[in-house]
Amino acid sequence: MRSGRASRHRRLKSPVSGPLLPPLDSRRHRLMDRVASTSTYLKNTWSPELDDVMVLLSDMPVTISDHDPRFTIDRPQRTIVFHRLPIERSADMREADPLQRQMMVEYCVFSAFAELTGREPWEMSGEGRPR
């Protein structure tokens, strides 16, 4: 005797957990993971200077213009907002393989943190940084 029942699509359903579903894996979740992991790396590398920086993700910028920015920085609030759709729909991302996509998102995060701190993106790697 089975503990669940079969749905019309032949998946087993459990009265508690519902259908057995694969882990969530969407473009949005992958982008969120890349932004979060790269931000954590930079915050750890530049601690305590970047400890208070808040990182957010939105679909689009609040103001629409001819050129949609990939991120917006609020210096007084020490907040960086990454805009998912301008990042994903950039010309370079459409034809990129997964590794290239990851590198482009990481560069976007490095660029945002560099702009916030008044540095160049390549300076954010932390190499040669005095401790």
N, C-alpha and C. Protein backbone atom coordinates (compact mmCIF):
# COMPACT_ATOMS: atom_id res chain seq x y z
N MET A 1 0.82 -1.17 0.00
CA MET A 1 0.00 0.00 0.00
C MET A 1 0.88 1.25 0.00
N ARG A 2 0.60 2.20 -0.88
CA ARG A 2 1.36 3.43 -0.97
C ARG A 2 0.82 4.45 0.02
N SER A 3 1.74 5.33 0.46
CA SER A 3 1.30 6.35 1.40
C SER A 3 0.64 7.53 0.69
N GLY A 4 0.93 7.71 -0.60
CA GLY A 4 0.34 8.80 -1.35
C GLY A 4 -0.58 8.25 -2.42
N ARG A 5 -1.12 9.12 -3.26
CA ARG A 5 -1.95 8.67 -4.35
C ARG A 5 -1.40 9.26 -5.64
N ALA A 6 -1.66 8.62 -6.74
CA ALA A 6 -1.13 9.09 -8.03
C ALA A 6 -2.05 10.17 -8.59
N SER A 7 -1.43 11.20 -9.14
CA SER A 7 -2.23 12.24 -9.80
C SER A 7 -2.48 11.80 -11.23
N ARG A 8 -3.19 12.60 -11.98
CA ARG A 8 -3.47 12.24 -13.36
C ARG A 8 -2.21 12.28 -14.21
N HIS A 9 -1.13 12.90 -13.68
CA HIS A 9 0.14 12.96 -14.40
C HIS A 9 1.11 11.89 -13.91
N ARG A 10 0.62 10.96 -13.13
CA ARG A 10 1.38 9.82 -12.61
C ARG A 10 2.44 10.18 -11.57
N ARG A 11 2.36 11.37 -10.99
CA ARG A 11 3.26 11.72 -9.90
C ARG A 11 2.59 11.33 -8.60
N LEU A 12 3.37 10.89 -7.67
CA LEU A 12 2.82 10.59 -6.36
C LEU A 12 2.57 11.88 -5.60
N LYS A 13 1.44 11.96 -4.96
CA LYS A 13 1.11 13.10 -4.13
C LYS A 13 1.04 12.64 -2.69
N SER A 14 1.52 13.47 -1.83
CA SER A 14 1.43 13.20 -0.41
C SER A 14 0.44 14.18 0.18
N PRO A 15 -0.37 13.76 1.14
CA PRO A 15 -1.32 14.69 1.74
C PRO A 15 -0.63 15.84 2.47
N VAL A 16 0.64 15.65 2.84
CA VAL A 16 1.35 16.69 3.58
C VAL A 16 2.16 17.60 2.65
N SER A 17 2.95 17.01 1.76
CA SER A 17 3.89 17.81 0.98
C SER A 17 3.45 18.10 -0.45
N GLY A 18 2.38 17.56 -0.90
CA GLY A 18 1.95 17.80 -2.27
C GLY A 18 2.78 16.99 -3.25
N PRO A 19 2.75 17.36 -4.52
CA PRO A 19 3.51 16.58 -5.50
C PRO A 19 5.01 16.72 -5.27
N LEU A 20 5.73 15.71 -5.65
CA LEU A 20 7.19 15.75 -5.54
C LEU A 20 7.70 16.69 -6.63
N LEU A 21 8.31 17.77 -6.21
CA LEU A 21 8.76 18.78 -7.15
C LEU A 21 10.28 18.89 -7.14
N PRO A 22 10.86 19.17 -8.28
CA PRO A 22 12.31 19.39 -8.29
C PRO A 22 12.62 20.72 -7.59
N PRO A 23 13.86 20.90 -7.17
CA PRO A 23 14.21 22.17 -6.53
C PRO A 23 13.98 23.34 -7.49
N LEU A 24 13.64 24.48 -6.94
CA LEU A 24 13.40 25.65 -7.76
C LEU A 24 14.68 26.05 -8.48
N ASP A 25 14.60 26.21 -9.77
CA ASP A 25 15.75 26.62 -10.56
C ASP A 25 15.24 27.46 -11.71
N SER A 26 15.26 28.75 -11.51
CA SER A 26 14.80 29.66 -12.54
C SER A 26 15.89 30.70 -12.77
N ARG A 27 15.73 31.47 -13.82
CA ARG A 27 16.71 32.53 -14.08
C ARG A 27 16.77 33.49 -12.91
N ARG A 28 15.61 33.81 -12.35
CA ARG A 28 15.57 34.73 -11.22
C ARG A 28 16.35 34.18 -10.02
N HIS A 29 16.13 32.89 -9.70
CA HIS A 29 16.84 32.29 -8.56
C HIS A 29 18.34 32.20 -8.82
N ARG A 30 18.73 31.86 -10.04
CA ARG A 30 20.16 31.79 -10.36
C ARG A 30 20.80 33.17 -10.23
N LEU A 31 20.11 34.20 -10.73
CA LEU A 31 20.63 35.56 -10.62
C LEU A 31 20.73 35.99 -9.16
N MET A 32 19.71 35.70 -8.39
CA MET A 32 19.72 36.04 -6.96
C MET A 32 20.91 35.37 -6.26
N ASP A 33 21.14 34.10 -6.57
CA ASP A 33 22.25 33.37 -5.96
C ASP A 33 23.59 33.98 -6.34
N ARG A 34 23.75 34.34 -7.63
CA ARG A 34 25.02 34.94 -8.08
C ARG A 34 25.26 36.28 -7.43
N VAL A 35 24.23 37.11 -7.38
CA VAL A 35 24.37 38.43 -6.75
C VAL A 35 24.69 38.27 -5.27
N ALA A 36 23.98 37.37 -4.59
CA ALA A 36 24.20 37.17 -3.15
C ALA A 36 25.60 36.63 -2.86
N SER A 37 26.05 35.64 -3.61
CA SER A 37 27.36 35.06 -3.32
C SER A 37 28.49 36.04 -3.64
N THR A 38 28.36 36.80 -4.72
CA THR A 38 29.40 37.78 -5.07
C THR A 38 29.40 38.93 -4.07
N SER A 39 28.22 39.36 -3.64
CA SER A 39 28.13 40.43 -2.64
C SER A 39 28.75 39.98 -1.31
N THR A 40 28.48 38.75 -0.93
CA THR A 40 29.06 38.22 0.31
C THR A 40 30.57 38.17 0.22
N TYR A 41 31.09 37.74 -0.93
CA TYR A 41 32.54 37.71 -1.13
C TYR A 41 33.13 39.11 -0.95
N LEU A 42 32.54 40.10 -1.61
CA LEU A 42 33.06 41.46 -1.53
C LEU A 42 32.94 42.04 -0.12
N LYS A 43 31.83 41.77 0.54
CA LYS A 43 31.66 42.28 1.90
C LYS A 43 32.68 41.65 2.84
N ASN A 44 32.97 40.37 2.66
CA ASN A 44 33.97 39.70 3.49
C ASN A 44 35.37 40.21 3.17
N THR A 45 35.64 40.46 1.90
CA THR A 45 36.96 40.95 1.48
C THR A 45 37.21 42.36 1.99
N TRP A 46 36.19 43.20 1.98
CA TRP A 46 36.33 44.61 2.36
C TRP A 46 35.67 44.91 3.72
N SER A 47 35.65 43.92 4.59
CA SER A 47 35.11 44.14 5.93
C SER A 47 36.12 44.97 6.71
N PRO A 48 35.75 45.87 7.50
CA PRO A 48 34.42 46.30 7.92
C PRO A 48 33.83 47.42 7.06
N GLU A 49 34.57 47.87 6.04
CA GLU A 49 34.12 49.00 5.23
C GLU A 49 32.76 48.76 4.57
N LEU A 50 32.48 47.53 4.16
CA LEU A 50 31.24 47.24 3.44
C LEU A 50 30.22 46.47 4.27
N ASP A 51 30.47 46.32 5.55
CA ASP A 51 29.56 45.54 6.40
C ASP A 51 28.13 46.08 6.42
N ASP A 52 27.98 47.40 6.32
CA ASP A 52 26.65 47.99 6.44
C ASP A 52 25.94 48.18 5.10
N VAL A 53 26.52 47.71 4.01
CA VAL A 53 25.91 47.88 2.69
C VAL A 53 24.76 46.87 2.53
N MET A 54 23.61 47.38 2.13
CA MET A 54 22.45 46.52 1.89
C MET A 54 22.33 46.28 0.39
N VAL A 55 22.10 45.03 0.02
CA VAL A 55 21.96 44.65 -1.39
C VAL A 55 20.54 44.15 -1.62
N LEU A 56 19.87 44.75 -2.61
CA LEU A 56 18.50 44.38 -2.94
C LEU A 56 18.41 44.00 -4.41
N LEU A 57 17.34 43.30 -4.77
CA LEU A 57 17.11 42.92 -6.16
C LEU A 57 15.69 43.33 -6.54
N SER A 58 15.58 44.04 -7.67
CA SER A 58 14.27 44.41 -8.18
C SER A 58 14.19 43.95 -9.63
N ASP A 59 12.98 43.93 -10.16
CA ASP A 59 12.84 43.54 -11.56
C ASP A 59 13.28 44.65 -12.50
N MET A 60 12.84 45.88 -12.22
CA MET A 60 13.15 47.03 -13.08
C MET A 60 13.45 48.25 -12.22
N PRO A 61 14.18 49.21 -12.79
CA PRO A 61 14.38 50.47 -12.06
C PRO A 61 13.06 51.21 -11.88
N VAL A 62 12.99 52.06 -10.89
CA VAL A 62 11.77 52.81 -10.62
C VAL A 62 11.50 53.80 -11.75
N THR A 63 12.53 54.47 -12.21
CA THR A 63 12.36 55.42 -13.31
C THR A 63 12.80 54.78 -14.62
N ILE A 64 11.99 54.93 -15.63
CA ILE A 64 12.29 54.36 -16.94
C ILE A 64 12.98 55.43 -17.78
N SER A 65 14.06 55.02 -18.45
CA SER A 65 14.79 55.94 -19.31
C SER A 65 15.20 55.20 -20.58
N ASP A 66 15.91 55.90 -21.46
CA ASP A 66 16.38 55.26 -22.69
C ASP A 66 17.37 54.14 -22.38
N HIS A 67 18.14 54.32 -21.34
CA HIS A 67 19.13 53.33 -20.93
C HIS A 67 18.78 52.86 -19.52
N ASP A 68 18.27 51.65 -19.39
CA ASP A 68 17.93 51.12 -18.07
C ASP A 68 19.20 50.66 -17.37
N PRO A 69 19.50 51.23 -16.22
CA PRO A 69 20.71 50.84 -15.51
C PRO A 69 20.59 49.43 -14.95
N ARG A 70 21.70 48.76 -14.85
CA ARG A 70 21.72 47.41 -14.28
C ARG A 70 21.66 47.45 -12.76
N PHE A 71 22.04 48.58 -12.19
CA PHE A 71 21.96 48.75 -10.74
C PHE A 71 21.79 50.22 -10.42
N THR A 72 21.27 50.48 -9.22
CA THR A 72 21.10 51.83 -8.71
C THR A 72 21.75 51.88 -7.33
N ILE A 73 22.44 52.97 -7.07
CA ILE A 73 23.13 53.12 -5.79
C ILE A 73 22.52 54.29 -5.02
N ASP A 74 22.23 54.04 -3.75
CA ASP A 74 21.79 55.10 -2.83
C ASP A 74 22.91 55.25 -1.80
N ARG A 75 23.80 56.23 -2.03
CA ARG A 75 24.97 56.40 -1.16
C ARG A 75 24.61 56.73 0.29
N PRO A 76 23.68 57.68 0.52
CA PRO A 76 23.36 57.99 1.93
C PRO A 76 22.82 56.76 2.69
N GLN A 77 22.05 55.94 2.03
CA GLN A 77 21.48 54.75 2.69
C GLN A 77 22.42 53.54 2.60
N ARG A 78 23.52 53.67 1.83
CA ARG A 78 24.47 52.56 1.62
C ARG A 78 23.75 51.32 1.09
N THR A 79 22.97 51.53 0.02
CA THR A 79 22.15 50.48 -0.57
C THR A 79 22.44 50.38 -2.06
N ILE A 80 22.56 49.13 -2.54
CA ILE A 80 22.69 48.86 -3.97
C ILE A 80 21.49 48.03 -4.38
N VAL A 81 20.78 48.48 -5.40
CA VAL A 81 19.63 47.74 -5.93
C VAL A 81 20.01 47.25 -7.33
N PHE A 82 20.03 45.94 -7.50
CA PHE A 82 20.31 45.35 -8.81
C PHE A 82 18.98 45.15 -9.53
N HIS A 83 18.96 45.48 -10.82
CA HIS A 83 17.74 45.39 -11.61
C HIS A 83 17.84 44.18 -12.53
N ARG A 84 17.05 43.17 -12.23
CA ARG A 84 17.15 41.87 -12.88
C ARG A 84 16.93 41.92 -14.39
N LEU A 85 15.87 42.54 -14.85
CA LEU A 85 15.57 42.51 -16.28
C LEU A 85 16.61 43.22 -17.14
N PRO A 86 17.09 44.42 -16.77
CA PRO A 86 18.17 45.00 -17.57
C PRO A 86 19.44 44.14 -17.58
N ILE A 87 19.72 43.45 -16.49
CA ILE A 87 20.89 42.57 -16.48
C ILE A 87 20.67 41.39 -17.42
N GLU A 88 19.52 40.73 -17.28
CA GLU A 88 19.26 39.53 -18.07
C GLU A 88 19.05 39.82 -19.55
N ARG A 89 18.55 41.00 -19.87
CA ARG A 89 18.22 41.29 -21.27
C ARG A 89 19.29 42.09 -21.99
N SER A 90 20.44 42.24 -21.36
CA SER A 90 21.52 42.94 -22.06
C SER A 90 21.96 42.07 -23.24
N ALA A 91 22.49 42.71 -24.25
CA ALA A 91 22.87 42.01 -25.48
C ALA A 91 23.88 40.90 -25.20
N ASP A 92 24.78 41.14 -24.27
CA ASP A 92 25.81 40.13 -23.99
C ASP A 92 25.24 38.89 -23.33
N MET A 93 24.19 39.04 -22.54
CA MET A 93 23.64 37.90 -21.79
C MET A 93 22.81 36.97 -22.66
N ARG A 94 22.20 37.48 -23.70
CA ARG A 94 21.29 36.65 -24.51
C ARG A 94 21.98 35.45 -25.14
N GLU A 95 23.21 35.64 -25.58
CA GLU A 95 23.89 34.57 -26.31
C GLU A 95 25.02 33.95 -25.51
N ALA A 96 25.06 34.19 -24.22
CA ALA A 96 26.14 33.70 -23.39
C ALA A 96 25.85 32.30 -22.86
N ASP A 97 26.92 31.54 -22.63
CA ASP A 97 26.76 30.25 -21.97
C ASP A 97 26.70 30.49 -20.46
N PRO A 98 26.40 29.47 -19.65
CA PRO A 98 26.22 29.68 -18.21
C PRO A 98 27.44 30.31 -17.52
N LEU A 99 28.64 29.92 -17.90
CA LEU A 99 29.83 30.50 -17.27
C LEU A 99 29.96 31.98 -17.62
N GLN A 100 29.72 32.32 -18.87
CA GLN A 100 29.78 33.73 -19.27
C GLN A 100 28.71 34.56 -18.55
N ARG A 101 27.52 33.98 -18.37
CA ARG A 101 26.45 34.68 -17.64
C ARG A 101 26.89 34.96 -16.21
N GLN A 102 27.48 33.94 -15.58
CA GLN A 102 27.95 34.10 -14.21
C GLN A 102 29.00 35.20 -14.13
N MET A 103 29.93 35.22 -15.07
CA MET A 103 30.98 36.23 -15.06
C MET A 103 30.41 37.63 -15.29
N MET A 104 29.38 37.75 -16.14
CA MET A 104 28.78 39.05 -16.39
C MET A 104 28.04 39.58 -15.16
N VAL A 105 27.34 38.69 -14.47
CA VAL A 105 26.64 39.11 -13.24
C VAL A 105 27.67 39.50 -12.18
N GLU A 106 28.73 38.72 -12.05
CA GLU A 106 29.76 39.05 -11.07
C GLU A 106 30.41 40.39 -11.40
N TYR A 107 30.66 40.66 -12.68
CA TYR A 107 31.24 41.95 -13.06
C TYR A 107 30.28 43.10 -12.72
N CYS A 108 29.00 42.88 -12.91
CA CYS A 108 28.00 43.88 -12.57
C CYS A 108 28.03 44.18 -11.07
N VAL A 109 28.15 43.14 -10.25
CA VAL A 109 28.21 43.32 -8.79
C VAL A 109 29.50 44.04 -8.41
N PHE A 110 30.63 43.61 -8.99
CA PHE A 110 31.90 44.27 -8.71
C PHE A 110 31.82 45.75 -9.10
N SER A 111 31.20 46.05 -10.25
CA SER A 111 31.08 47.43 -10.72
C SER A 111 30.24 48.27 -9.76
N ALA A 112 29.16 47.70 -9.26
CA ALA A 112 28.29 48.44 -8.34
C ALA A 112 29.02 48.75 -7.03
N PHE A 113 29.70 47.76 -6.47
CA PHE A 113 30.43 47.99 -5.23
C PHE A 113 31.59 48.97 -5.46
N ALA A 114 32.22 48.89 -6.62
CA ALA A 114 33.31 49.82 -6.94
C ALA A 114 32.79 51.24 -7.04
N GLU A 115 31.65 51.41 -7.69
CA GLU A 115 31.07 52.75 -7.81
C GLU A 115 30.69 53.31 -6.44
N LEU A 116 30.16 52.45 -5.58
CA LEU A 116 29.79 52.89 -4.23
C LEU A 116 31.00 53.36 -3.44
N THR A 117 32.13 52.68 -3.61
CA THR A 117 33.32 52.99 -2.81
C THR A 117 34.30 53.93 -3.52
N GLY A 118 34.03 54.30 -4.77
CA GLY A 118 34.92 55.19 -5.49
C GLY A 118 36.16 54.49 -6.03
N ARG A 119 36.05 53.19 -6.27
CA ARG A 119 37.17 52.42 -6.82
C ARG A 119 36.84 51.95 -8.23
N GLU A 120 37.80 51.29 -8.84
CA GLU A 120 37.58 50.62 -10.12
C GLU A 120 37.18 49.17 -9.83
N PRO A 121 36.40 48.54 -10.72
CA PRO A 121 35.95 47.16 -10.45
C PRO A 121 37.09 46.18 -10.18
N TRP A 122 38.20 46.31 -10.90
CA TRP A 122 39.30 45.35 -10.71
C TRP A 122 40.00 45.54 -9.37
N GLU A 123 39.84 46.71 -8.75
CA GLU A 123 40.42 46.93 -7.43
C GLU A 123 39.66 46.19 -6.34
N MET A 124 38.43 45.81 -6.62
CA MET A 124 37.58 45.19 -5.60
C MET A 124 37.97 43.76 -5.28
N SER A 125 38.82 43.14 -6.09
CA SER A 125 39.20 41.75 -5.83
C SER A 125 39.94 41.62 -4.51
N GLY A 126 40.53 42.70 -4.04
CA GLY A 126 41.20 42.67 -2.75
C GLY A 126 42.66 42.32 -2.85
N GLU A 127 43.17 41.97 -4.04
CA GLU A 127 44.58 41.65 -4.19
C GLU A 127 45.41 42.92 -3.98
N GLY A 128 46.41 42.81 -3.17
CA GLY A 128 47.26 43.96 -2.89
C GLY A 128 46.65 44.93 -1.91
N ARG A 129 45.54 44.56 -1.31
CA ARG A 129 44.88 45.44 -0.34
C ARG A 129 45.63 45.37 0.99
N PRO A 130 46.00 46.51 1.56
CA PRO A 130 46.67 46.47 2.87
C PRO A 130 45.71 45.98 3.94
N ARG A 131 46.18 45.15 4.81
CA ARG A 131 45.35 44.60 5.90
C ARG A 131 45.63 45.31 7.17
